[in-house]
C-alpha atoms as a PDB file:
ATOM      1  CA  UNK A   1      24.964  14.799  -1.133  1.00  0.00           C
ATOM      2  CA  UNK A   2      27.388  17.360   0.282  1.00  0.00           C
ATOM      3  CA  UNK A   3      26.595  20.978   1.021  1.00  0.00           C
ATOM      4  CA  UNK A   4      29.081  23.795   0.432  1.00  0.00           C
ATOM      5  CA  UNK A   5      30.276  26.327   3.013  1.00  0.00           C
ATOM      6  CA  UNK A   6      29.998  29.685   1.240  1.00  0.00           C
ATOM      7  CA  UNK A   7      32.904  31.232   3.154  1.00  0.00           C
ATOM      8  CA  UNK A   8      35.471  28.499   2.528  1.00  0.00           C
ATOM      9  CA  UNK A   9      33.909  26.737  -0.501  1.00  0.00           C
ATOM     10  CA  UNK A  10      34.739  23.474   1.289  1.00  0.00           C
ATOM     11  CA  UNK A  11      32.243  20.617   1.028  1.00  0.00           C
ATOM     12  CA  UNK A  12      30.170  20.097   4.147  1.00  0.00           C
ATOM     13  CA  UNK A  13      28.867  16.566   4.406  1.00  0.00           C
ATOM     14  CA  UNK A  14      25.358  16.069   5.713  1.00  0.00           C
ATOM     15  CA  UNK A  15      24.885  13.238   8.189  1.00  0.00           C
ATOM     16  CA  UNK A  16      21.366  12.122   9.077  1.00  0.00           C
ATOM     17  CA  UNK A  17      20.611  10.525  12.420  1.00  0.00           C
ATOM     18  CA  UNK A  18      17.637   8.197  12.556  1.00  0.00           C
ATOM     19  CA  UNK A  19      15.421   7.153  15.445  1.00  0.00           C
ATOM     20  CA  UNK A  20      17.344   3.892  15.785  1.00  0.00           C
ATOM     21  CA  UNK A  21      20.450   6.050  16.419  1.00  0.00           C
ATOM     22  CA  UNK A  22      22.019   5.015  13.127  1.00  0.00           C
ATOM     23  CA  UNK A  23      24.008   7.679  11.314  1.00  0.00           C
ATOM     24  CA  UNK A  24      23.744   7.960   7.536  1.00  0.00           C
ATOM     25  CA  UNK A  25      26.371   9.744   5.414  1.00  0.00           C
ATOM     26  CA  UNK A  26      24.464  11.292   2.513  1.00  0.00           C
ATOM     27  CA  UNK A  27      27.699  11.932   0.592  1.00  0.00           C
ATOM     28  CA  UNK A  28      28.720   8.263   0.469  1.00  0.00           C
ATOM     29  CA  UNK A  29      25.193   6.811   0.794  1.00  0.00           C
ATOM     30  CA  UNK A  30      26.333   4.602   3.648  1.00  0.00           C
ATOM     31  CA  UNK A  31      25.829   4.209   7.372  1.00  0.00           C
ATOM     32  CA  UNK A  32      28.663   5.420   9.597  1.00  0.00           C
ATOM     33  CA  UNK A  33      29.634   5.209  13.254  1.00  0.00           C
ATOM     34  CA  UNK A  34      30.806   7.769  15.777  1.00  0.00           C
ATOM     35  CA  UNK A  35      34.301   6.425  15.190  1.00  0.00           C
ATOM     36  CA  UNK A  36      33.954   7.217  11.477  1.00  0.00           C
ATOM     37  CA  UNK A  37      32.837  10.762  12.309  1.00  0.00           C
ATOM     38  CA  UNK A  38      35.764  11.117  14.703  1.00  0.00           C
ATOM     39  CA  UNK A  39      38.146  10.216  11.881  1.00  0.00           C
ATOM     40  CA  UNK A  40      36.403  12.706   9.584  1.00  0.00           C
ATOM     41  CA  UNK A  41      37.096  15.454  12.124  1.00  0.00           C
ATOM     42  CA  UNK A  42      40.757  14.433  12.326  1.00  0.00           C
ATOM     43  CA  UNK A  43      40.945  14.442   8.527  1.00  0.00           C
ATOM     44  CA  UNK A  44      39.566  17.976   8.432  1.00  0.00           C
ATOM     45  CA  UNK A  45      36.286  16.926   6.793  1.00  0.00           C
ATOM     46  CA  UNK A  46      33.500  19.261   7.887  1.00  0.00           C
ATOM     47  CA  UNK A  47      30.034  17.859   8.457  1.00  0.00           C
ATOM     48  CA  UNK A  48      26.705  18.644  10.028  1.00  0.00           C
ATOM     49  CA  UNK A  49      24.376  16.156  11.674  1.00  0.00           C
ATOM     50  CA  UNK A  50      20.638  16.512  11.320  1.00  0.00           C
ATOM     51  CA  UNK A  51      17.776  14.661  12.915  1.00  0.00           C
ATOM     52  CA  UNK A  52      16.332  12.642  10.029  1.00  0.00           C
ATOM     53  CA  UNK A  53      12.751  13.241  11.196  1.00  0.00           C
ATOM     54  CA  UNK A  54      12.742  16.907  12.267  1.00  0.00           C
ATOM     55  CA  UNK A  55      15.705  18.290  10.315  1.00  0.00           C
ATOM     56  CA  UNK A  56      17.071  19.784  13.550  1.00  0.00           C
ATOM     57  CA  UNK A  57      20.816  20.449  13.638  1.00  0.00           C
ATOM     58  CA  UNK A  58      22.197  18.129  16.336  1.00  0.00           C
ATOM     59  CA  UNK A  59      25.872  18.443  15.415  1.00  0.00           C
ATOM     60  CA  UNK A  60      26.867  19.788  18.847  1.00  0.00           C
ATOM     61  CA  UNK A  61      25.322  16.819  20.636  1.00  0.00           C
ATOM     62  CA  UNK A  62      26.978  14.296  18.324  1.00  0.00           C
ATOM     63  CA  UNK A  63      30.401  15.949  18.673  1.00  0.00           C
ATOM     64  CA  UNK A  64      29.934  15.854  22.437  1.00  0.00           C
ATOM     65  CA  UNK A  65      29.147  12.132  22.132  1.00  0.00           C
ATOM     66  CA  UNK A  66      32.385  11.613  20.205  1.00  0.00           C
ATOM     67  CA  UNK A  67      34.358  13.365  22.946  1.00  0.00           C
ATOM     68  CA  UNK A  68      32.622  11.224  25.581  1.00  0.00           C
ATOM     69  CA  UNK A  69      33.475   8.041  23.649  1.00  0.00           C
ATOM     70  CA  UNK A  70      37.113   9.088  23.242  1.00  0.00           C
ATOM     71  CA  UNK A  71      37.432  10.028  26.916  1.00  0.00           C
ATOM     72  CA  UNK A  72      35.894   6.676  27.925  1.00  0.00           C
ATOM     73  CA  UNK A  73      38.425   4.613  25.994  1.00  0.00           C
ATOM     74  CA  UNK A  74      41.054   5.012  28.672  1.00  0.00           C
ATOM     75  CA  UNK A  75      44.649   5.882  28.032  1.00  0.00           C
ATOM     76  CA  UNK A  76      45.405   9.562  27.616  1.00  0.00           C
ATOM     77  CA  UNK A  77      42.335  11.718  28.229  1.00  0.00           C
ATOM     78  CA  UNK A  78      42.357  15.304  26.999  1.00  0.00           C
ATOM     79  CA  UNK A  79      39.982  16.833  29.535  1.00  0.00           C
ATOM     80  CA  UNK A  80      41.392  17.078  33.081  1.00  0.00           C
ATOM     81  CA  UNK A  81      38.884  16.759  35.911  1.00  0.00           C
ATOM     82  CA  UNK A  82      39.753  20.246  37.159  1.00  0.00           C
ATOM     83  CA  UNK A  83      38.974  21.725  33.748  1.00  0.00           C
ATOM     84  CA  UNK A  84      35.646  19.890  33.584  1.00  0.00           C
ATOM     85  CA  UNK A  85      34.671  21.125  37.049  1.00  0.00           C
ATOM     86  CA  UNK A  86      35.519  24.729  36.136  1.00  0.00           C
ATOM     87  CA  UNK A  87      33.658  24.448  32.853  1.00  0.00           C
ATOM     88  CA  UNK A  88      30.544  23.102  34.579  1.00  0.00           C
ATOM     89  CA  UNK A  89      30.697  25.900  37.146  1.00  0.00           C
ATOM     90  CA  UNK A  90      30.262  28.486  34.367  1.00  0.00           C
ATOM     91  CA  UNK A  91      26.837  27.155  33.314  1.00  0.00           C
ATOM     92  CA  UNK A  92      24.323  29.749  34.470  1.00  0.00           C
ATOM     93  CA  UNK A  93      27.104  32.144  35.470  1.00  0.00           C
ATOM     94  CA  UNK A  94      27.004  35.759  34.285  1.00  0.00           C
ATOM     95  CA  UNK A  95      30.217  35.094  32.325  1.00  0.00           C
ATOM     96  CA  UNK A  96      28.786  32.058  30.531  1.00  0.00           C
ATOM     97  CA  UNK A  97      28.533  33.923  27.221  1.00  0.00           C
ATOM     98  CA  UNK A  98      32.236  34.833  27.396  1.00  0.00           C
ATOM     99  CA  UNK A  99      33.497  31.267  27.883  1.00  0.00           C
ATOM    100  CA  UNK A 100      32.852  29.935  24.327  1.00  0.00           C
ATOM    101  CA  UNK A 101      34.774  32.826  22.774  1.00  0.00           C
ATOM    102  CA  UNK A 102      37.660  32.329  25.195  1.00  0.00           C
ATOM    103  CA  UNK A 103      37.806  28.611  24.449  1.00  0.00           C
ATOM    104  CA  UNK A 104      37.674  29.273  20.687  1.00  0.00           C
ATOM    105  CA  UNK A 105      40.562  31.779  20.901  1.00  0.00           C
ATOM    106  CA  UNK A 106      42.607  29.476  23.135  1.00  0.00           C
ATOM    107  CA  UNK A 107      42.120  26.432  20.919  1.00  0.00           C
ATOM    108  CA  UNK A 108      42.826  28.433  17.753  1.00  0.00           C
ATOM    109  CA  UNK A 109      46.025  29.723  19.361  1.00  0.00           C
ATOM    110  CA  UNK A 110      47.018  26.197  20.400  1.00  0.00           C
ATOM    111  CA  UNK A 111      46.315  24.919  16.890  1.00  0.00           C
ATOM    112  CA  UNK A 112      48.420  27.656  15.293  1.00  0.00           C
ATOM    113  CA  UNK A 113      51.318  26.665  17.535  1.00  0.00           C
ATOM    114  CA  UNK A 114      50.986  22.911  17.167  1.00  0.00           C
ATOM    115  CA  UNK A 115      53.767  22.581  14.584  1.00  0.00           C
ATOM    116  CA  UNK A 116      56.127  24.561  16.811  1.00  0.00           C
ATOM    117  CA  UNK A 117      55.164  22.334  19.728  1.00  0.00           C
ATOM    118  CA  UNK A 118      55.762  19.187  17.679  1.00  0.00           C
ATOM    119  CA  UNK A 119      59.206  20.575  16.851  1.00  0.00           C
ATOM    120  CA  UNK A 120      59.876  21.156  20.554  1.00  0.00           C
ATOM    121  CA  UNK A 121      58.960  17.533  21.235  1.00  0.00           C
ATOM    122  CA  UNK A 122      61.154  16.258  18.412  1.00  0.00           C
ATOM    123  CA  UNK A 123      64.122  18.307  19.602  1.00  0.00           C
ATOM    124  CA  UNK A 124      63.559  17.203  23.180  1.00  0.00           C
ATOM    125  CA  UNK A 125      63.350  13.500  22.303  1.00  0.00           C
ATOM    126  CA  UNK A 126      65.106  11.601  25.046  1.00  0.00           C
ATOM    127  CA  UNK A 127      65.076  14.695  27.231  1.00  0.00           C
ATOM    128  CA  UNK A 128      62.513  16.216  29.541  1.00  0.00           C
ATOM    129  CA  UNK A 129      59.359  17.328  27.706  1.00  0.00           C
ATOM    130  CA  UNK A 130      59.445  21.136  27.278  1.00  0.00           C
ATOM    131  CA  UNK A 131      56.683  21.905  29.753  1.00  0.00           C
ATOM    132  CA  UNK A 132      57.863  25.468  30.224  1.00  0.00           C
ATOM    133  CA  UNK A 133      57.011  26.466  26.645  1.00  0.00           C
ATOM    134  CA  UNK A 134      53.501  25.016  26.874  1.00  0.00           C
ATOM    135  CA  UNK A 135      52.924  26.368  30.365  1.00  0.00           C
ATOM    136  CA  UNK A 136      53.869  29.832  29.111  1.00  0.00           C
ATOM    137  CA  UNK A 137      51.229  29.589  26.367  1.00  0.00           C
ATOM    138  CA  UNK A 138      48.689  28.467  28.949  1.00  0.00           C
ATOM    139  CA  UNK A 139      49.613  31.324  31.287  1.00  0.00           C
ATOM    140  CA  UNK A 140      49.163  33.857  28.499  1.00  0.00           C
ATOM    141  CA  UNK A 141      45.732  32.476  27.633  1.00  0.00           C
ATOM    142  CA  UNK A 142      44.649  32.426  31.277  1.00  0.00           C
ATOM    143  CA  UNK A 143      45.933  35.965  31.833  1.00  0.00           C
ATOM    144  CA  UNK A 144      43.845  37.127  28.878  1.00  0.00           C
ATOM    145  CA  UNK A 145      40.770  35.384  30.300  1.00  0.00           C
ATOM    146  CA  UNK A 146      41.296  36.888  33.736  1.00  0.00           C
ATOM    147  CA  UNK A 147      41.629  40.356  32.204  1.00  0.00           C
ATOM    148  CA  UNK A 148      38.384  39.761  30.366  1.00  0.00           C
ATOM    149  CA  UNK A 149      36.634  38.733  33.569  1.00  0.00           C
ATOM    150  CA  UNK A 150      37.908  41.851  35.311  1.00  0.00           C
ATOM    151  CA  UNK A 151      36.831  44.099  32.467  1.00  0.00           C
ATOM    152  CA  UNK A 152      33.295  42.754  32.494  1.00  0.00           C
ATOM    153  CA  UNK A 153      33.012  43.257  36.258  1.00  0.00           C
ATOM    154  CA  UNK A 154      33.890  46.877  37.154  1.00  0.00           C
ATOM    155  CA  UNK A 155      33.406  46.175  40.883  1.00  0.00           C
ATOM    156  CA  UNK A 156      36.047  43.416  40.807  1.00  0.00           C
ATOM    157  CA  UNK A 157      38.326  45.675  38.777  1.00  0.00           C
ATOM    158  CA  UNK A 158      38.095  48.299  41.487  1.00  0.00           C
ATOM    159  CA  UNK A 159      38.684  45.830  44.301  1.00  0.00           C
ATOM    160  CA  UNK A 160      41.833  44.590  42.590  1.00  0.00           C
ATOM    161  CA  UNK A 161      43.317  48.055  42.888  1.00  0.00           C
ATOM    162  CA  UNK A 162      43.773  48.431  46.593  1.00  0.00           C
ATOM    163  CA  UNK A 163      40.271  47.191  47.455  1.00  0.00           C
ATOM    164  CA  UNK A 164      38.764  50.508  46.424  1.00  0.00           C
ATOM    165  CA  UNK A 165      35.491  50.922  44.559  1.00  0.00           C
ATOM    166  CA  UNK A 166      35.816  51.113  40.763  1.00  0.00           C
ATOM    167  CA  UNK A 167      35.121  54.193  38.700  1.00  0.00           C
ATOM    168  CA  UNK A 168      31.551  53.030  38.108  1.00  0.00           C
ATOM    169  CA  UNK A 169      30.937  53.426  41.850  1.00  0.00           C
ATOM    170  CA  UNK A 170      32.422  56.942  42.134  1.00  0.00           C
ATOM    171  CA  UNK A 171      30.085  59.948  42.128  1.00  0.00           C
ATOM    172  CA  UNK A 172      30.523  61.900  38.918  1.00  0.00           C
ATOM    173  CA  UNK A 173      32.377  59.003  37.261  1.00  0.00           C
ATOM    174  CA  UNK A 174      31.846  57.894  33.686  1.00  0.00           C
ATOM    175  CA  UNK A 175      28.534  56.177  32.933  1.00  0.00           C
ATOM    176  CA  UNK A 176      28.819  52.412  33.326  1.00  0.00           C
ATOM    177  CA  UNK A 177      27.809  51.754  29.704  1.00  0.00           C
ATOM    178  CA  UNK A 178      30.593  53.961  28.339  1.00  0.00           C
ATOM    179  CA  UNK A 179      33.091  52.309  30.661  1.00  0.00           C
ATOM    180  CA  UNK A 180      32.068  48.829  29.499  1.00  0.00           C
ATOM    181  CA  UNK A 181      32.324  49.883  25.856  1.00  0.00           C
ATOM    182  CA  UNK A 182      35.905  51.067  26.406  1.00  0.00           C
ATOM    183  CA  UNK A 183      36.758  47.872  28.267  1.00  0.00           C
ATOM    184  CA  UNK A 184      35.303  45.696  25.513  1.00  0.00           C
ATOM    185  CA  UNK A 185      37.321  47.605  22.922  1.00  0.00           C
ATOM    186  CA  UNK A 186      40.454  47.091  24.995  1.00  0.00           C
ATOM    187  CA  UNK A 187      39.704  43.361  25.215  1.00  0.00           C
ATOM    188  CA  UNK A 188      39.239  43.200  21.432  1.00  0.00           C
ATOM    189  CA  UNK A 189      42.641  44.840  20.886  1.00  0.00           C
ATOM    190  CA  UNK A 190      44.290  42.439  23.335  1.00  0.00           C
ATOM    191  CA  UNK A 191      42.795  39.411  21.554  1.00  0.00           C
ATOM    192  CA  UNK A 192      43.981  40.721  18.168  1.00  0.00           C
ATOM    193  CA  UNK A 193      47.455  41.419  19.560  1.00  0.00           C
ATOM    194  CA  UNK A 194      47.645  37.915  21.032  1.00  0.00           C
ATOM    195  CA  UNK A 195      46.575  36.401  17.718  1.00  0.00           C
ATOM    196  CA  UNK A 196      49.274  38.366  15.860  1.00  0.00           C
ATOM    197  CA  UNK A 197      51.947  37.340  18.358  1.00  0.00           C
ATOM    198  CA  UNK A 198      50.934  33.677  18.160  1.00  0.00           C
ATOM    199  CA  UNK A 199      50.818  33.748  14.357  1.00  0.00           C
END
């Protein structure tokens, strides 16, 4: 049986995971493997995975398992060691809550540009891969993230401007809460502008 996402009206397949680690597709009434779920993702088929006993949503863990399996196959891995180290370093960090949003925006931007990138590759067949175009996209995403980090840390923002204390540290300056609100609004506008430019 498939559920329906109310926002997109697209069928969401329910997968049940049993104690023996077997995965059961309730839409097709058949057992599936992680490889089958991987193909469903590639095909754009949305699904959720629930623990058959408790009903707990364990989709995140299963998707992580799929990534682990794909990365373990050898060949071309998608997750560089440096990226993994940086990602791990954010667990428990004060900016941890910002990272998921940044990754979502970056991946959405990359996905919107994938057809353009495929065209670059097709045009560059037999020539050097157009790293500059992709590096530019990466630089823009990283610049946005760094601005976000600066905005959420007024002390760092001040130190970046001639190693002087930020406005939040000045006597008679704006209250820190008001400053953060303005900075968050600025970040929101930058994200929207980036999305429009990428689209």
